[in-house]
C-alpha atoms as a PDB file:
ATOM      1  CA  MET A   1     -41.396  -7.948  21.314  1.00  0.00           C
ATOM      2  CA  LYS A   2     -41.374  -4.447  19.838  1.00  0.00           C
ATOM      3  CA  SER A   3     -40.368  -2.930  23.194  1.00  0.00           C
ATOM      4  CA  ILE A   4     -37.447  -5.381  23.490  1.00  0.00           C
ATOM      5  CA  LEU A   5     -36.227  -4.460  20.011  1.00  0.00           C
ATOM      6  CA  LEU A   6     -36.539  -0.752  20.823  1.00  0.00           C
ATOM      7  CA  ALA A   7     -34.554  -1.259  24.044  1.00  0.00           C
ATOM      8  CA  ILE A   8     -31.827  -3.164  22.192  1.00  0.00           C
ATOM      9  CA  HIS A   9     -31.715  -0.456  19.536  1.00  0.00           C
ATOM     10  CA  ALA A  10     -31.462   2.306  22.178  1.00  0.00           C
ATOM     11  CA  ALA A  11     -28.692   0.434  24.001  1.00  0.00           C
ATOM     12  CA  TRP A  12     -26.763  -0.034  20.770  1.00  0.00           C
ATOM     13  CA  LYS A  13     -27.125   3.671  19.948  1.00  0.00           C
ATOM     14  CA  ARG A  14     -25.611   4.519  23.363  1.00  0.00           C
ATOM     15  CA  ILE A  15     -22.696   2.169  22.668  1.00  0.00           C
ATOM     16  CA  GLU A  16     -22.176   3.775  19.276  1.00  0.00           C
ATOM     17  CA  ARG A  17     -22.247   7.285  20.706  1.00  0.00           C
ATOM     18  CA  HIS A  18     -20.125   6.690  23.805  1.00  0.00           C
ATOM     19  CA  VAL A  19     -17.667   4.048  22.650  1.00  0.00           C
ATOM     20  CA  LEU A  20     -17.494   3.428  18.909  1.00  0.00           C
ATOM     21  CA  ASP A  21     -17.633   7.077  17.816  1.00  0.00           C
ATOM     22  CA  ARG A  22     -14.788   7.882  20.211  1.00  0.00           C
ATOM     23  CA  LEU A  23     -12.699   4.923  19.043  1.00  0.00           C
ATOM     24  CA  ALA A  24     -13.139   5.672  15.327  1.00  0.00           C
ATOM     25  CA  PRO A  25     -10.412   8.361  15.092  1.00  0.00           C
ATOM     26  CA  VAL A  26      -7.929   6.109  16.922  1.00  0.00           C
ATOM     27  CA  VAL A  27      -8.673   3.131  14.665  1.00  0.00           C
ATOM     28  CA  ASP A  28      -8.446   5.438  11.634  1.00  0.00           C
ATOM     29  CA  LEU A  29      -5.035   6.683  12.847  1.00  0.00           C
ATOM     30  CA  ALA A  30      -3.806   3.126  13.437  1.00  0.00           C
ATOM     31  CA  ALA A  31      -4.816   2.089   9.910  1.00  0.00           C
ATOM     32  CA  ARG A  32      -3.170   5.173   8.399  1.00  0.00           C
ATOM     33  CA  LEU A  33       0.078   4.630  10.319  1.00  0.00           C
ATOM     34  CA  TYR A  34       0.181   0.935   9.432  1.00  0.00           C
ATOM     35  CA  LEU A  35      -0.352   1.589   5.728  1.00  0.00           C
ATOM     36  CA  ALA A  36       2.014   4.566   5.706  1.00  0.00           C
ATOM     37  CA  ARG A  37       4.761   2.395   7.195  1.00  0.00           C
ATOM     38  CA  VAL A  38       4.240  -0.356   4.614  1.00  0.00           C
ATOM     39  CA  PHE A  39       4.395   1.992   1.640  1.00  0.00           C
ATOM     40  CA  PHE A  40       7.106   4.270   3.041  1.00  0.00           C
ATOM     41  CA  LEU A  41       9.434   1.317   3.665  1.00  0.00           C
ATOM     42  CA  SER A  42       8.763   0.036   0.163  1.00  0.00           C
ATOM     43  CA  GLY A  43       9.643   3.411  -1.327  1.00  0.00           C
ATOM     44  CA  TRP A  44      12.668   3.720   0.946  1.00  0.00           C
ATOM     45  CA  ASN A  45      13.939   0.324  -0.212  1.00  0.00           C
ATOM     46  CA  LYS A  46      13.568   1.446  -3.801  1.00  0.00           C
ATOM     47  CA  ILE A  47      15.722   4.554  -3.363  1.00  0.00           C
ATOM     48  CA  GLN A  48      18.309   2.726  -1.239  1.00  0.00           C
ATOM     49  CA  ASP A  49      19.283   0.520  -4.170  1.00  0.00           C
ATOM     50  CA  TRP A  50      18.243   2.504  -7.202  1.00  0.00           C
ATOM     51  CA  ASP A  51      20.133   0.333  -9.681  1.00  0.00           C
ATOM     52  CA  SER A  52      18.212  -2.737  -8.527  1.00  0.00           C
ATOM     53  CA  THR A  53      14.969  -0.781  -8.615  1.00  0.00           C
ATOM     54  CA  LEU A  54      15.576   0.263 -12.205  1.00  0.00           C
ATOM     55  CA  TYR A  55      16.474  -3.324 -13.117  1.00  0.00           C
ATOM     56  CA  LEU A  56      13.244  -4.625 -11.554  1.00  0.00           C
ATOM     57  CA  PHE A  57      11.129  -2.031 -13.332  1.00  0.00           C
ATOM     58  CA  ARG A  58      12.831  -2.822 -16.648  1.00  0.00           C
ATOM     59  CA  GLU A  59      12.817  -6.629 -16.372  1.00  0.00           C
ATOM     60  CA  GLU A  60      10.248  -7.813 -13.798  1.00  0.00           C
ATOM     61  CA  TYR A  61       7.545  -5.224 -13.251  1.00  0.00           C
ATOM     62  CA  HIS A  62       5.598  -4.525 -16.391  1.00  0.00           C
ATOM     63  CA  VAL A  63       3.869  -1.258 -15.588  1.00  0.00           C
ATOM     64  CA  PRO A  64       1.409  -0.431 -18.359  1.00  0.00           C
ATOM     65  CA  LEU A  65       1.647   2.804 -20.356  1.00  0.00           C
ATOM     66  CA  LEU A  66       4.814   4.109 -18.691  1.00  0.00           C
ATOM     67  CA  PRO A  67       8.488   3.729 -19.549  1.00  0.00           C
ATOM     68  CA  PRO A  68      10.210   1.690 -16.801  1.00  0.00           C
ATOM     69  CA  ASP A  69      12.407   4.570 -15.568  1.00  0.00           C
ATOM     70  CA  VAL A  70       9.403   6.886 -15.254  1.00  0.00           C
ATOM     71  CA  ALA A  71       7.397   4.168 -13.498  1.00  0.00           C
ATOM     72  CA  ALA A  72      10.251   3.638 -11.019  1.00  0.00           C
ATOM     73  CA  VAL A  73      10.468   7.335 -10.167  1.00  0.00           C
ATOM     74  CA  MET A  74       6.700   7.683  -9.883  1.00  0.00           C
ATOM     75  CA  GLY A  75       6.402   4.505  -7.816  1.00  0.00           C
ATOM     76  CA  ALA A  76       9.125   5.397  -5.331  1.00  0.00           C
ATOM     77  CA  GLY A  77       8.080   9.047  -5.149  1.00  0.00           C
ATOM     78  CA  GLY A  78       4.437   8.133  -4.693  1.00  0.00           C
ATOM     79  CA  GLU A  79       5.172   5.595  -1.990  1.00  0.00           C
ATOM     80  CA  LEU A  80       7.334   8.056  -0.061  1.00  0.00           C
ATOM     81  CA  GLY A  81       5.296  11.232  -0.471  1.00  0.00           C
ATOM     82  CA  LEU A  82       1.797   9.808  -0.262  1.00  0.00           C
ATOM     83  CA  SER A  83       2.645   7.637   2.746  1.00  0.00           C
ATOM     84  CA  VAL A  84       3.864  10.668   4.717  1.00  0.00           C
ATOM     85  CA  MET A  85       0.697  12.560   3.782  1.00  0.00           C
ATOM     86  CA  LEU A  86      -1.411   9.576   4.820  1.00  0.00           C
ATOM     87  CA  ALA A  87       0.388   9.220   8.153  1.00  0.00           C
ATOM     88  CA  VAL A  88      -0.355  12.801   9.192  1.00  0.00           C
ATOM     89  CA  GLY A  89      -3.780  12.844   7.573  1.00  0.00           C
ATOM     90  CA  LEU A  90      -3.065  15.518   4.991  1.00  0.00           C
ATOM     91  CA  TRP A  91      -5.417  15.192   2.019  1.00  0.00           C
ATOM     92  CA  THR A  92      -6.212  11.783   3.436  1.00  0.00           C
ATOM     93  CA  ARG A  93      -8.598  10.665   0.711  1.00  0.00           C
ATOM     94  CA  PHE A  94      -6.245  11.860  -2.023  1.00  0.00           C
ATOM     95  CA  SER A  95      -3.198  10.160  -0.509  1.00  0.00           C
ATOM     96  CA  ALA A  96      -5.135   6.940   0.158  1.00  0.00           C
ATOM     97  CA  SER A  97      -6.416   7.038  -3.443  1.00  0.00           C
ATOM     98  CA  GLY A  98      -2.893   7.451  -4.786  1.00  0.00           C
ATOM     99  CA  LEU A  99      -1.578   4.568  -2.709  1.00  0.00           C
ATOM    100  CA  LEU A 100      -4.561   2.454  -3.772  1.00  0.00           C
ATOM    101  CA  VAL A 101      -3.676   3.102  -7.423  1.00  0.00           C
ATOM    102  CA  LEU A 102      -0.030   2.203  -6.723  1.00  0.00           C
ATOM    103  CA  ASN A 103      -1.171  -0.992  -5.023  1.00  0.00           C
ATOM    104  CA  LEU A 104      -3.426  -1.930  -7.941  1.00  0.00           C
ATOM    105  CA  VAL A 105      -0.690  -1.203 -10.487  1.00  0.00           C
ATOM    106  CA  ALA A 106       1.753  -3.303  -8.450  1.00  0.00           C
ATOM    107  CA  VAL A 107      -0.640  -6.268  -8.389  1.00  0.00           C
ATOM    108  CA  TYR A 108      -1.315  -5.926 -12.108  1.00  0.00           C
ATOM    109  CA  SER A 109       2.359  -5.445 -12.988  1.00  0.00           C
ATOM    110  CA  TYR A 110       3.722  -8.472 -11.213  1.00  0.00           C
ATOM    111  CA  TYR A 111       0.664 -10.637 -10.758  1.00  0.00           C
ATOM    112  CA  ASP A 112       2.529 -13.695 -12.039  1.00  0.00           C
ATOM    113  CA  SER A 113       5.073 -13.370  -9.222  1.00  0.00           C
ATOM    114  CA  LEU A 114       2.357 -12.756  -6.652  1.00  0.00           C
ATOM    115  CA  MET A 115       0.551 -15.917  -7.700  1.00  0.00           C
ATOM    116  CA  ASP A 116       3.598 -17.852  -6.502  1.00  0.00           C
ATOM    117  CA  SER A 117       3.263 -16.184  -3.099  1.00  0.00           C
ATOM    118  CA  PRO A 118      -0.302 -16.278  -1.774  1.00  0.00           C
ATOM    119  CA  VAL A 119       0.778 -14.410   1.364  1.00  0.00           C
ATOM    120  CA  ALA A 120       2.060 -11.470  -0.702  1.00  0.00           C
ATOM    121  CA  LEU A 121      -1.137 -11.417  -2.739  1.00  0.00           C
ATOM    122  CA  GLN A 122      -3.138 -11.471   0.511  1.00  0.00           C
ATOM    123  CA  ASP A 123      -1.097  -8.488   1.789  1.00  0.00           C
ATOM    124  CA  HIS A 124      -1.958  -6.469  -1.315  1.00  0.00           C
ATOM    125  CA  LEU A 125      -5.618  -7.382  -0.959  1.00  0.00           C
ATOM    126  CA  GLU A 126      -5.686  -6.285   2.696  1.00  0.00           C
ATOM    127  CA  TRP A 127      -3.865  -3.030   1.922  1.00  0.00           C
ATOM    128  CA  GLY A 128      -6.336  -2.372  -0.875  1.00  0.00           C
ATOM    129  CA  ILE A 129      -9.304  -2.925   1.417  1.00  0.00           C
ATOM    130  CA  LEU A 130      -7.907  -0.638   4.127  1.00  0.00           C
ATOM    131  CA  LEU A 131      -7.006   2.044   1.600  1.00  0.00           C
ATOM    132  CA  SER A 132     -10.495   1.803   0.089  1.00  0.00           C
ATOM    133  CA  LEU A 133     -12.047   2.329   3.516  1.00  0.00           C
ATOM    134  CA  LEU A 134      -9.909   5.440   4.009  1.00  0.00           C
ATOM    135  CA  VAL A 135     -10.913   6.747   0.571  1.00  0.00           C
ATOM    136  CA  VAL A 136     -14.642   6.437   1.265  1.00  0.00           C
ATOM    137  CA  GLY A 137     -14.521   7.291   4.981  1.00  0.00           C
ATOM    138  CA  LYS A 138     -15.228  10.700   6.399  1.00  0.00           C
ATOM    139  CA  VAL A 139     -12.563  13.092   7.633  1.00  0.00           C
ATOM    140  CA  ARG A 140     -11.855  12.211  11.237  1.00  0.00           C
ATOM    141  CA  GLN A 141     -10.112  13.828  14.137  1.00  0.00           C
ATOM    142  CA  LEU A 142      -6.396  13.124  14.545  1.00  0.00           C
ATOM    143  CA  THR A 143      -5.709  14.344  11.005  1.00  0.00           C
ATOM    144  CA  VAL A 144      -4.280  17.546   9.590  1.00  0.00           C
ATOM    145  CA  ASP A 145      -7.375  17.598   7.362  1.00  0.00           C
ATOM    146  CA  HIS A 146      -9.596  17.892  10.445  1.00  0.00           C
ATOM    147  CA  LEU A 147      -7.499  20.742  11.835  1.00  0.00           C
ATOM    148  CA  LEU A 148      -7.582  22.598   8.523  1.00  0.00           C
ATOM    149  CA  ILE A 149     -11.340  22.173   8.168  1.00  0.00           C
ATOM    150  CA  GLN A 150     -11.915  23.447  11.693  1.00  0.00           C
ATOM    151  CA  ARG A 151      -9.630  26.411  11.130  1.00  0.00           C
ATOM    152  CA  TYR A 152     -10.594  27.478   7.619  1.00  0.00           C
ATOM    153  CA  LEU A 153     -14.084  26.067   7.104  1.00  0.00           C
ATOM    154  CA  PRO A 154     -15.870  26.619  10.406  1.00  0.00           C
ATOM    155  CA  SER A 155     -19.351  25.227  10.718  1.00  0.00           C
ATOM    156  CA  PRO A 156     -22.279  27.673  10.518  1.00  0.00           C
ATOM    157  CA  MET A 157     -22.728  27.313  14.294  1.00  0.00           C
ATOM    158  CA  GLN A 158     -19.175  28.635  14.881  1.00  0.00           C
ATOM    159  CA  ALA A 159     -19.454  31.561  12.481  1.00  0.00           C
END
């Protein structure tokens, strides 16, 4: 029995090394691009009709601790800037953290409206989970972060 378990373990390790480890950067990129698109389009919609955005922040969204006009600027700016950073993988954990905070504030601020739309609440939950995985995940290839680390922080073996 022990030899069968060892063989299964060895086979799984080969799969991890030859397949899963090579797919990880591509899956990471797909998640970053998906999330970046969601948040960028949201920010873009906000700046396209700024009067409506200000109205929503004054009347519908009840962002804690911030005046509505400041919350609108920070929300739109954060969605636009952080989503671009996330897409290219620049300060990936920082940008994912910022978008996670925006997502949490959005859920808190208009939770009553989201309760009327379970699909919208589910979207926010899924975005939060994906963003959380990017926050806690390691820096992967296919990011500007990876290029910068390789260029400016070479490993001891390269030095």
